[in-house]
Amino acid sequence: LLLDFEKLITVINPNLNEKLTTLPEVTKVIKDQRNDIKVFVAEDSPMLRDLLVQTLHDAGYITTRDFSNGKLAWEALQKIGQEEAPLDDSINILISDIEMPQMDGHHLLTQIREHNKLGKLPVIFFSSLINEEMRRKGEAIGANGQISKPEIGQLIDLIDRLVFKK
């Protein structure tokens, strides 16, 4: 029996669900710029994964691939790493939870940073586990950003800054 603790929390506290889906207003021009950005999402909670992907789509990030754990994301990234095409043809940014089965976000990021082609890929941790200790660990292994769930507005702003180099 697997429990989706994050779903339970949003049932207990509906305000969290609102924070996860409330986006700042954006213009059509900004949404159109986001259309071509390829976002990978690694999140083990099915409810949060679906909510995050839908929220990314609502913000204009319509080209997404999602994975239920770090291992599946890593396998997809390895295939991209073997391709001749530039990295940006397949992925522009990865958003990852930290605590996941099979391969956690920290291990996933370590694998990415050690890979020749994937090493510069922007990676954001979007997790309920972001505290000072986790923030230091994320910085030490090369996270480009770390946002606490459920701050989706901050996540969208950080994605914009990283992929558009604002």
N, C-alpha and C. Protein backbone atom coordinates (compact mmCIF):
# COMPACT_ATOMS: atom_id res chain seq x y z
N LEU A 1 0.85 -1.18 0.00
CA LEU A 1 0.00 0.00 0.00
C LEU A 1 0.89 1.24 0.00
N LEU A 2 0.72 2.08 -1.01
CA LEU A 2 1.44 3.34 -1.09
C LEU A 2 0.49 4.49 -0.84
N LEU A 3 0.90 5.39 0.03
CA LEU A 3 0.09 6.58 0.31
C LEU A 3 0.69 7.78 -0.39
N ASP A 4 -0.14 8.59 -0.96
CA ASP A 4 0.28 9.84 -1.57
C ASP A 4 0.10 10.92 -0.51
N PHE A 5 1.15 11.13 0.30
CA PHE A 5 1.06 12.06 1.42
C PHE A 5 0.75 13.48 0.96
N GLU A 6 1.29 13.88 -0.18
CA GLU A 6 1.05 15.24 -0.65
C GLU A 6 -0.41 15.44 -1.03
N LYS A 7 -1.05 14.40 -1.56
CA LYS A 7 -2.48 14.50 -1.86
C LYS A 7 -3.26 14.63 -0.55
N LEU A 8 -2.88 13.84 0.46
CA LEU A 8 -3.56 13.93 1.76
C LEU A 8 -3.45 15.33 2.34
N ILE A 9 -2.28 15.93 2.21
CA ILE A 9 -2.08 17.27 2.75
C ILE A 9 -2.97 18.28 2.05
N THR A 10 -3.13 18.16 0.72
CA THR A 10 -3.98 19.12 0.01
C THR A 10 -5.45 18.89 0.30
N VAL A 11 -5.81 17.67 0.67
CA VAL A 11 -7.20 17.41 1.08
C VAL A 11 -7.45 18.04 2.45
N ILE A 12 -6.47 17.90 3.34
CA ILE A 12 -6.60 18.46 4.69
C ILE A 12 -6.55 19.99 4.64
N ASN A 13 -5.68 20.53 3.78
CA ASN A 13 -5.51 21.98 3.69
C ASN A 13 -5.72 22.43 2.23
N PRO A 14 -6.95 22.71 1.83
CA PRO A 14 -7.25 23.10 0.45
C PRO A 14 -6.51 24.35 -0.02
N ASN A 15 -6.04 25.20 0.90
CA ASN A 15 -5.29 26.39 0.51
C ASN A 15 -4.01 26.03 -0.23
N LEU A 16 -3.43 24.87 0.09
CA LEU A 16 -2.22 24.45 -0.60
C LEU A 16 -2.51 24.18 -2.07
N ASN A 17 -3.64 23.59 -2.35
CA ASN A 17 -4.02 23.32 -3.74
C ASN A 17 -4.14 24.63 -4.51
N GLU A 18 -4.69 25.65 -3.87
CA GLU A 18 -4.82 26.96 -4.51
C GLU A 18 -3.45 27.55 -4.81
N LYS A 19 -2.50 27.43 -3.86
CA LYS A 19 -1.16 27.94 -4.08
C LYS A 19 -0.46 27.22 -5.22
N LEU A 20 -0.79 25.94 -5.41
CA LEU A 20 -0.17 25.16 -6.47
C LEU A 20 -0.72 25.50 -7.85
N THR A 21 -1.87 26.12 -7.91
CA THR A 21 -2.49 26.36 -9.21
C THR A 21 -2.69 27.83 -9.53
N THR A 22 -2.41 28.72 -8.60
CA THR A 22 -2.60 30.15 -8.83
C THR A 22 -1.35 30.73 -9.46
N LEU A 23 -1.52 31.25 -10.67
CA LEU A 23 -0.40 31.80 -11.42
C LEU A 23 -0.54 33.30 -11.57
N PRO A 24 0.59 34.01 -11.62
CA PRO A 24 0.51 35.44 -11.93
C PRO A 24 0.02 35.62 -13.37
N GLU A 25 -0.64 36.73 -13.63
CA GLU A 25 -1.13 37.02 -14.98
C GLU A 25 0.05 37.16 -15.94
N VAL A 26 -0.10 36.59 -17.13
CA VAL A 26 0.93 36.73 -18.15
C VAL A 26 0.28 37.08 -19.48
N THR A 27 1.05 37.74 -20.31
CA THR A 27 0.53 38.14 -21.62
C THR A 27 0.62 36.97 -22.59
N LYS A 28 -0.10 37.09 -23.69
CA LYS A 28 -0.06 36.07 -24.73
C LYS A 28 1.35 35.96 -25.31
N VAL A 29 2.06 37.06 -25.40
CA VAL A 29 3.42 37.06 -25.93
C VAL A 29 4.32 36.18 -25.06
N ILE A 30 4.22 36.34 -23.75
CA ILE A 30 5.04 35.53 -22.84
C ILE A 30 4.65 34.07 -22.96
N LYS A 31 3.36 33.78 -22.97
CA LYS A 31 2.92 32.39 -23.12
C LYS A 31 3.44 31.79 -24.42
N ASP A 32 3.39 32.56 -25.49
CA ASP A 32 3.88 32.07 -26.79
C ASP A 32 5.38 31.78 -26.74
N GLN A 33 6.14 32.60 -26.02
CA GLN A 33 7.58 32.36 -25.87
C GLN A 33 7.84 31.06 -25.13
N ARG A 34 6.97 30.73 -24.19
CA ARG A 34 7.14 29.52 -23.38
C ARG A 34 6.77 28.25 -24.14
N ASN A 35 5.99 28.38 -25.22
CA ASN A 35 5.49 27.20 -25.93
C ASN A 35 6.56 26.23 -26.38
N ASP A 36 7.70 26.74 -26.80
CA ASP A 36 8.75 25.89 -27.36
C ASP A 36 9.73 25.35 -26.32
N ILE A 37 9.59 25.77 -25.08
CA ILE A 37 10.49 25.30 -24.03
C ILE A 37 10.08 23.89 -23.62
N LYS A 38 11.08 23.00 -23.58
CA LYS A 38 10.83 21.59 -23.26
C LYS A 38 11.19 21.34 -21.79
N VAL A 39 10.18 20.99 -21.00
CA VAL A 39 10.31 20.83 -19.56
C VAL A 39 10.10 19.36 -19.19
N PHE A 40 11.06 18.80 -18.44
CA PHE A 40 10.89 17.47 -17.86
C PHE A 40 10.52 17.67 -16.40
N VAL A 41 9.60 16.83 -15.92
CA VAL A 41 9.15 16.87 -14.52
C VAL A 41 9.34 15.48 -13.92
N ALA A 42 10.08 15.40 -12.80
CA ALA A 42 10.23 14.15 -12.05
C ALA A 42 9.57 14.36 -10.70
N GLU A 43 8.46 13.67 -10.48
CA GLU A 43 7.65 13.82 -9.26
C GLU A 43 6.92 12.51 -9.01
N ASP A 44 7.09 11.96 -7.81
CA ASP A 44 6.48 10.65 -7.53
C ASP A 44 5.02 10.72 -7.14
N SER A 45 4.54 11.84 -6.65
CA SER A 45 3.13 11.96 -6.28
C SER A 45 2.30 12.15 -7.55
N PRO A 46 1.44 11.17 -7.89
CA PRO A 46 0.64 11.30 -9.12
C PRO A 46 -0.21 12.58 -9.12
N MET A 47 -0.80 12.90 -7.99
CA MET A 47 -1.65 14.08 -7.92
C MET A 47 -0.83 15.35 -8.17
N LEU A 48 0.31 15.47 -7.51
CA LEU A 48 1.14 16.67 -7.69
C LEU A 48 1.76 16.72 -9.07
N ARG A 49 2.16 15.57 -9.59
CA ARG A 49 2.74 15.53 -10.94
C ARG A 49 1.72 16.04 -11.96
N ASP A 50 0.50 15.52 -11.89
CA ASP A 50 -0.54 15.96 -12.82
C ASP A 50 -0.86 17.44 -12.65
N LEU A 51 -0.94 17.88 -11.39
CA LEU A 51 -1.23 19.28 -11.10
C LEU A 51 -0.11 20.19 -11.60
N LEU A 52 1.12 19.78 -11.39
CA LEU A 52 2.27 20.57 -11.83
C LEU A 52 2.32 20.66 -13.35
N VAL A 53 2.12 19.54 -14.03
CA VAL A 53 2.13 19.55 -15.50
C VAL A 53 1.00 20.43 -16.03
N GLN A 54 -0.19 20.30 -15.46
CA GLN A 54 -1.32 21.13 -15.91
C GLN A 54 -1.04 22.61 -15.67
N THR A 55 -0.45 22.93 -14.53
CA THR A 55 -0.14 24.32 -14.22
C THR A 55 0.93 24.86 -15.17
N LEU A 56 1.94 24.03 -15.49
CA LEU A 56 2.94 24.44 -16.48
C LEU A 56 2.28 24.71 -17.83
N HIS A 57 1.36 23.84 -18.23
CA HIS A 57 0.63 24.04 -19.49
C HIS A 57 -0.15 25.34 -19.45
N ASP A 58 -0.83 25.60 -18.34
CA ASP A 58 -1.61 26.83 -18.19
C ASP A 58 -0.73 28.08 -18.29
N ALA A 59 0.53 27.95 -17.84
CA ALA A 59 1.47 29.07 -17.89
C ALA A 59 2.10 29.23 -19.27
N GLY A 60 1.85 28.27 -20.17
CA GLY A 60 2.41 28.35 -21.52
C GLY A 60 3.49 27.33 -21.80
N TYR A 61 3.95 26.63 -20.77
CA TYR A 61 4.95 25.57 -20.96
C TYR A 61 4.21 24.29 -21.36
N ILE A 62 3.93 24.17 -22.66
CA ILE A 62 3.07 23.08 -23.12
C ILE A 62 3.84 21.83 -23.55
N THR A 63 5.16 21.95 -23.70
CA THR A 63 5.96 20.80 -24.12
C THR A 63 6.61 20.20 -22.88
N THR A 64 5.94 19.21 -22.31
CA THR A 64 6.42 18.61 -21.06
C THR A 64 6.48 17.09 -21.20
N ARG A 65 7.38 16.50 -20.44
CA ARG A 65 7.40 15.05 -20.24
C ARG A 65 7.50 14.85 -18.74
N ASP A 66 6.72 13.90 -18.23
CA ASP A 66 6.75 13.70 -16.78
C ASP A 66 7.11 12.26 -16.46
N PHE A 67 7.75 12.11 -15.29
CA PHE A 67 8.28 10.83 -14.83
C PHE A 67 7.92 10.64 -13.37
N SER A 68 7.63 9.40 -12.99
CA SER A 68 7.19 9.11 -11.62
C SER A 68 8.34 8.89 -10.65
N ASN A 69 9.57 8.92 -11.14
CA ASN A 69 10.72 8.82 -10.24
C ASN A 69 11.98 9.28 -10.98
N GLY A 70 13.04 9.45 -10.23
CA GLY A 70 14.29 9.92 -10.82
C GLY A 70 14.92 8.93 -11.77
N LYS A 71 14.74 7.65 -11.52
CA LYS A 71 15.33 6.62 -12.38
C LYS A 71 14.76 6.70 -13.79
N LEU A 72 13.45 6.83 -13.91
CA LEU A 72 12.82 6.94 -15.23
C LEU A 72 13.26 8.22 -15.94
N ALA A 73 13.37 9.31 -15.19
CA ALA A 73 13.85 10.56 -15.79
C ALA A 73 15.29 10.39 -16.26
N TRP A 74 16.12 9.74 -15.45
CA TRP A 74 17.52 9.54 -15.81
C TRP A 74 17.65 8.68 -17.07
N GLU A 75 16.84 7.64 -17.18
CA GLU A 75 16.88 6.79 -18.37
C GLU A 75 16.54 7.59 -19.63
N ALA A 76 15.54 8.46 -19.55
CA ALA A 76 15.18 9.30 -20.69
C ALA A 76 16.30 10.30 -21.00
N LEU A 77 16.90 10.86 -19.96
CA LEU A 77 17.99 11.82 -20.15
C LEU A 77 19.22 11.15 -20.77
N GLN A 78 19.51 9.92 -20.35
CA GLN A 78 20.65 9.20 -20.92
C GLN A 78 20.47 9.01 -22.43
N LYS A 79 19.26 8.69 -22.86
CA LYS A 79 19.00 8.54 -24.30
C LYS A 79 19.26 9.85 -25.03
N ILE A 80 18.81 10.95 -24.44
CA ILE A 80 19.05 12.26 -25.04
C ILE A 80 20.55 12.55 -25.09
N GLY A 81 21.25 12.16 -24.03
CA GLY A 81 22.69 12.37 -23.96
C GLY A 81 23.46 11.63 -25.03
N GLN A 82 22.89 10.58 -25.58
CA GLN A 82 23.56 9.80 -26.62
C GLN A 82 23.25 10.30 -28.03
N GLU A 83 22.28 11.19 -28.15
CA GLU A 83 21.89 11.69 -29.46
C GLU A 83 22.90 12.70 -29.99
N GLU A 84 22.96 12.80 -31.31
CA GLU A 84 23.84 13.78 -31.97
C GLU A 84 23.29 15.20 -31.85
N ALA A 85 21.98 15.32 -31.80
CA ALA A 85 21.33 16.63 -31.80
C ALA A 85 21.69 17.42 -30.54
N PRO A 86 21.65 18.75 -30.63
CA PRO A 86 21.90 19.58 -29.45
C PRO A 86 20.89 19.27 -28.33
N LEU A 87 21.32 19.46 -27.11
CA LEU A 87 20.49 19.18 -25.94
C LEU A 87 19.16 19.93 -26.01
N ASP A 88 19.21 21.20 -26.43
CA ASP A 88 18.00 22.04 -26.48
C ASP A 88 16.94 21.51 -27.44
N ASP A 89 17.32 20.61 -28.34
CA ASP A 89 16.32 20.01 -29.23
C ASP A 89 15.36 19.10 -28.46
N SER A 90 15.81 18.58 -27.31
CA SER A 90 15.01 17.61 -26.56
C SER A 90 14.56 18.09 -25.19
N ILE A 91 15.37 18.92 -24.54
CA ILE A 91 15.06 19.37 -23.18
C ILE A 91 15.74 20.71 -22.92
N ASN A 92 15.03 21.58 -22.18
CA ASN A 92 15.60 22.86 -21.77
C ASN A 92 15.79 22.97 -20.27
N ILE A 93 14.96 22.23 -19.50
CA ILE A 93 15.02 22.35 -18.05
C ILE A 93 14.35 21.13 -17.41
N LEU A 94 14.84 20.77 -16.22
CA LEU A 94 14.26 19.68 -15.44
C LEU A 94 13.78 20.23 -14.11
N ILE A 95 12.56 19.87 -13.74
CA ILE A 95 12.02 20.18 -12.42
C ILE A 95 11.90 18.84 -11.70
N SER A 96 12.51 18.74 -10.52
CA SER A 96 12.52 17.45 -9.83
C SER A 96 12.16 17.60 -8.36
N ASP A 97 11.40 16.63 -7.89
CA ASP A 97 11.20 16.45 -6.46
C ASP A 97 12.52 15.94 -5.90
N ILE A 98 12.69 15.96 -4.60
CA ILE A 98 13.90 15.41 -3.99
C ILE A 98 13.65 13.96 -3.57
N GLU A 99 12.64 13.76 -2.75
CA GLU A 99 12.37 12.42 -2.20
C GLU A 99 11.49 11.64 -3.17
N MET A 100 12.10 10.65 -3.84
CA MET A 100 11.36 9.80 -4.79
C MET A 100 11.90 8.38 -4.68
N PRO A 101 11.08 7.39 -5.04
CA PRO A 101 11.56 6.01 -5.04
C PRO A 101 12.53 5.76 -6.19
N GLN A 102 13.32 4.73 -6.07
CA GLN A 102 14.27 4.23 -7.07
C GLN A 102 15.47 5.13 -7.30
N MET A 103 15.26 6.43 -7.45
CA MET A 103 16.37 7.38 -7.53
C MET A 103 15.85 8.74 -7.08
N ASP A 104 16.46 9.27 -6.02
CA ASP A 104 15.98 10.56 -5.52
C ASP A 104 16.55 11.71 -6.37
N GLY A 105 16.03 12.90 -6.13
CA GLY A 105 16.43 14.05 -6.91
C GLY A 105 17.90 14.41 -6.78
N HIS A 106 18.48 14.24 -5.60
CA HIS A 106 19.89 14.56 -5.42
C HIS A 106 20.77 13.62 -6.24
N HIS A 107 20.44 12.34 -6.22
CA HIS A 107 21.22 11.38 -7.01
C HIS A 107 21.04 11.66 -8.50
N LEU A 108 19.82 11.97 -8.91
CA LEU A 108 19.55 12.31 -10.31
C LEU A 108 20.40 13.50 -10.74
N LEU A 109 20.42 14.54 -9.94
CA LEU A 109 21.20 15.73 -10.29
C LEU A 109 22.70 15.41 -10.34
N THR A 110 23.18 14.60 -9.43
CA THR A 110 24.59 14.21 -9.44
C THR A 110 24.93 13.50 -10.75
N GLN A 111 24.06 12.60 -11.18
CA GLN A 111 24.27 11.89 -12.45
C GLN A 111 24.31 12.88 -13.62
N ILE A 112 23.39 13.83 -13.61
CA ILE A 112 23.32 14.83 -14.68
C ILE A 112 24.60 15.65 -14.73
N ARG A 113 25.05 16.14 -13.58
CA ARG A 113 26.23 17.01 -13.54
C ARG A 113 27.50 16.28 -13.97
N GLU A 114 27.54 14.96 -13.80
CA GLU A 114 28.72 14.17 -14.19
C GLU A 114 28.71 13.79 -15.66
N HIS A 115 27.63 14.05 -16.37
CA HIS A 115 27.49 13.67 -17.77
C HIS A 115 27.97 14.81 -18.68
N ASN A 116 28.79 14.47 -19.67
CA ASN A 116 29.36 15.51 -20.55
C ASN A 116 28.31 16.38 -21.22
N LYS A 117 27.34 15.77 -21.87
CA LYS A 117 26.35 16.54 -22.63
C LYS A 117 25.28 17.16 -21.74
N LEU A 118 24.87 16.45 -20.70
CA LEU A 118 23.76 16.89 -19.85
C LEU A 118 24.20 17.83 -18.73
N GLY A 119 25.49 17.92 -18.50
CA GLY A 119 26.03 18.60 -17.32
C GLY A 119 25.56 20.02 -17.08
N LYS A 120 25.25 20.76 -18.14
CA LYS A 120 24.84 22.17 -18.01
C LYS A 120 23.33 22.35 -17.97
N LEU A 121 22.57 21.25 -18.00
CA LEU A 121 21.11 21.33 -17.99
C LEU A 121 20.62 22.03 -16.72
N PRO A 122 19.79 23.07 -16.85
CA PRO A 122 19.23 23.70 -15.65
C PRO A 122 18.30 22.72 -14.91
N VAL A 123 18.50 22.62 -13.60
CA VAL A 123 17.70 21.72 -12.77
C VAL A 123 17.19 22.51 -11.56
N ILE A 124 15.88 22.41 -11.35
CA ILE A 124 15.24 23.05 -10.20
C ILE A 124 14.64 21.96 -9.32
N PHE A 125 14.92 22.03 -8.03
CA PHE A 125 14.23 21.17 -7.08
C PHE A 125 12.95 21.87 -6.64
N PHE A 126 11.83 21.18 -6.77
CA PHE A 126 10.52 21.66 -6.32
C PHE A 126 10.03 20.62 -5.34
N SER A 127 10.21 20.92 -4.05
CA SER A 127 10.02 19.88 -3.04
C SER A 127 9.51 20.46 -1.73
N SER A 128 8.81 19.63 -1.00
CA SER A 128 8.37 20.02 0.34
C SER A 128 9.51 19.90 1.34
N LEU A 129 10.65 19.34 0.92
CA LEU A 129 11.78 19.11 1.82
C LEU A 129 12.82 20.24 1.82
N ILE A 130 12.53 21.36 1.19
CA ILE A 130 13.53 22.44 1.12
C ILE A 130 13.64 23.12 2.48
N ASN A 131 14.74 22.83 3.16
CA ASN A 131 15.09 23.52 4.40
C ASN A 131 16.56 23.94 4.24
N GLU A 132 17.16 24.52 5.24
CA GLU A 132 18.54 25.02 5.09
C GLU A 132 19.52 23.90 4.75
N GLU A 133 19.39 22.76 5.41
CA GLU A 133 20.30 21.64 5.14
C GLU A 133 20.14 21.14 3.71
N MET A 134 18.90 20.95 3.29
CA MET A 134 18.64 20.48 1.92
C MET A 134 19.07 21.53 0.90
N ARG A 135 18.86 22.80 1.21
CA ARG A 135 19.28 23.87 0.30
C ARG A 135 20.79 23.84 0.10
N ARG A 136 21.54 23.68 1.19
CA ARG A 136 23.01 23.61 1.09
C ARG A 136 23.43 22.40 0.26
N LYS A 137 22.78 21.26 0.49
CA LYS A 137 23.11 20.06 -0.27
C LYS A 137 22.81 20.26 -1.75
N GLY A 138 21.65 20.84 -2.06
CA GLY A 138 21.29 21.11 -3.45
C GLY A 138 22.28 22.04 -4.13
N GLU A 139 22.68 23.09 -3.42
CA GLU A 139 23.67 24.02 -3.97
C GLU A 139 25.00 23.32 -4.21
N ALA A 140 25.41 22.47 -3.26
CA ALA A 140 26.69 21.78 -3.37
C ALA A 140 26.76 20.86 -4.58
N ILE A 141 25.64 20.27 -4.96
CA ILE A 141 25.66 19.35 -6.10
C ILE A 141 25.24 20.02 -7.41
N GLY A 142 24.93 21.31 -7.36
CA GLY A 142 24.72 22.06 -8.60
C GLY A 142 23.30 22.37 -8.99
N ALA A 143 22.37 22.39 -8.04
CA ALA A 143 20.99 22.78 -8.37
C ALA A 143 20.98 24.25 -8.80
N ASN A 144 20.24 24.55 -9.84
CA ASN A 144 20.11 25.93 -10.31
C ASN A 144 19.09 26.72 -9.50
N GLY A 145 18.24 26.01 -8.78
CA GLY A 145 17.25 26.65 -7.95
C GLY A 145 16.52 25.62 -7.11
N GLN A 146 15.94 26.09 -6.01
CA GLN A 146 15.21 25.21 -5.11
C GLN A 146 14.01 25.98 -4.59
N ILE A 147 12.83 25.46 -4.87
CA ILE A 147 11.58 26.12 -4.49
C ILE A 147 10.78 25.16 -3.63
N SER A 148 10.25 25.68 -2.52
CA SER A 148 9.39 24.87 -1.66
C SER A 148 8.00 24.75 -2.26
N LYS A 149 7.48 23.53 -2.22
CA LYS A 149 6.07 23.35 -2.59
C LYS A 149 5.28 24.10 -1.54
N PRO A 150 4.28 24.77 -1.88
CA PRO A 150 3.55 24.80 -3.14
C PRO A 150 3.74 26.10 -3.92
N GLU A 151 4.87 26.75 -3.86
CA GLU A 151 5.04 28.09 -4.43
C GLU A 151 5.22 28.06 -5.95
N ILE A 152 4.15 27.74 -6.66
CA ILE A 152 4.20 27.57 -8.12
C ILE A 152 4.55 28.87 -8.84
N GLY A 153 4.11 30.00 -8.33
CA GLY A 153 4.45 31.28 -8.96
C GLY A 153 5.94 31.52 -8.97
N GLN A 154 6.61 31.22 -7.86
CA GLN A 154 8.06 31.35 -7.79
C GLN A 154 8.74 30.38 -8.75
N LEU A 155 8.17 29.18 -8.87
CA LEU A 155 8.74 28.19 -9.78
C LEU A 155 8.69 28.68 -11.23
N ILE A 156 7.55 29.20 -11.64
CA ILE A 156 7.40 29.71 -13.01
C ILE A 156 8.38 30.86 -13.25
N ASP A 157 8.52 31.77 -12.30
CA ASP A 157 9.48 32.88 -12.42
C ASP A 157 10.90 32.36 -12.59
N LEU A 158 11.27 31.36 -11.80
CA LEU A 158 12.63 30.81 -11.88
C LEU A 158 12.86 30.09 -13.20
N ILE A 159 11.87 29.34 -13.67
CA ILE A 159 12.00 28.70 -14.99
C ILE A 159 12.26 29.77 -16.05
N ASP A 160 11.46 30.83 -16.02
CA ASP A 160 11.64 31.93 -16.99
C ASP A 160 13.06 32.49 -16.93
N ARG A 161 13.55 32.76 -15.73
CA ARG A 161 14.90 33.33 -15.59
C ARG A 161 15.96 32.39 -16.14
N LEU A 162 15.81 31.10 -15.88
CA LEU A 162 16.84 30.14 -16.31
C LEU A 162 16.81 29.86 -17.81
N VAL A 163 15.63 29.71 -18.37
CA VAL A 163 15.58 29.34 -19.80
C VAL A 163 15.68 30.55 -20.72
N PHE A 164 15.28 31.71 -20.24
CA PHE A 164 15.37 32.92 -21.07
C PHE A 164 16.54 33.79 -20.64
N LYS A 165 17.33 33.32 -19.67
CA LYS A 165 18.53 34.01 -19.18
C LYS A 165 18.24 35.45 -18.80
N LYS A 166 17.13 35.63 -18.05
CA LYS A 166 16.72 36.99 -17.63
C LYS A 166 17.54 37.43 -16.44
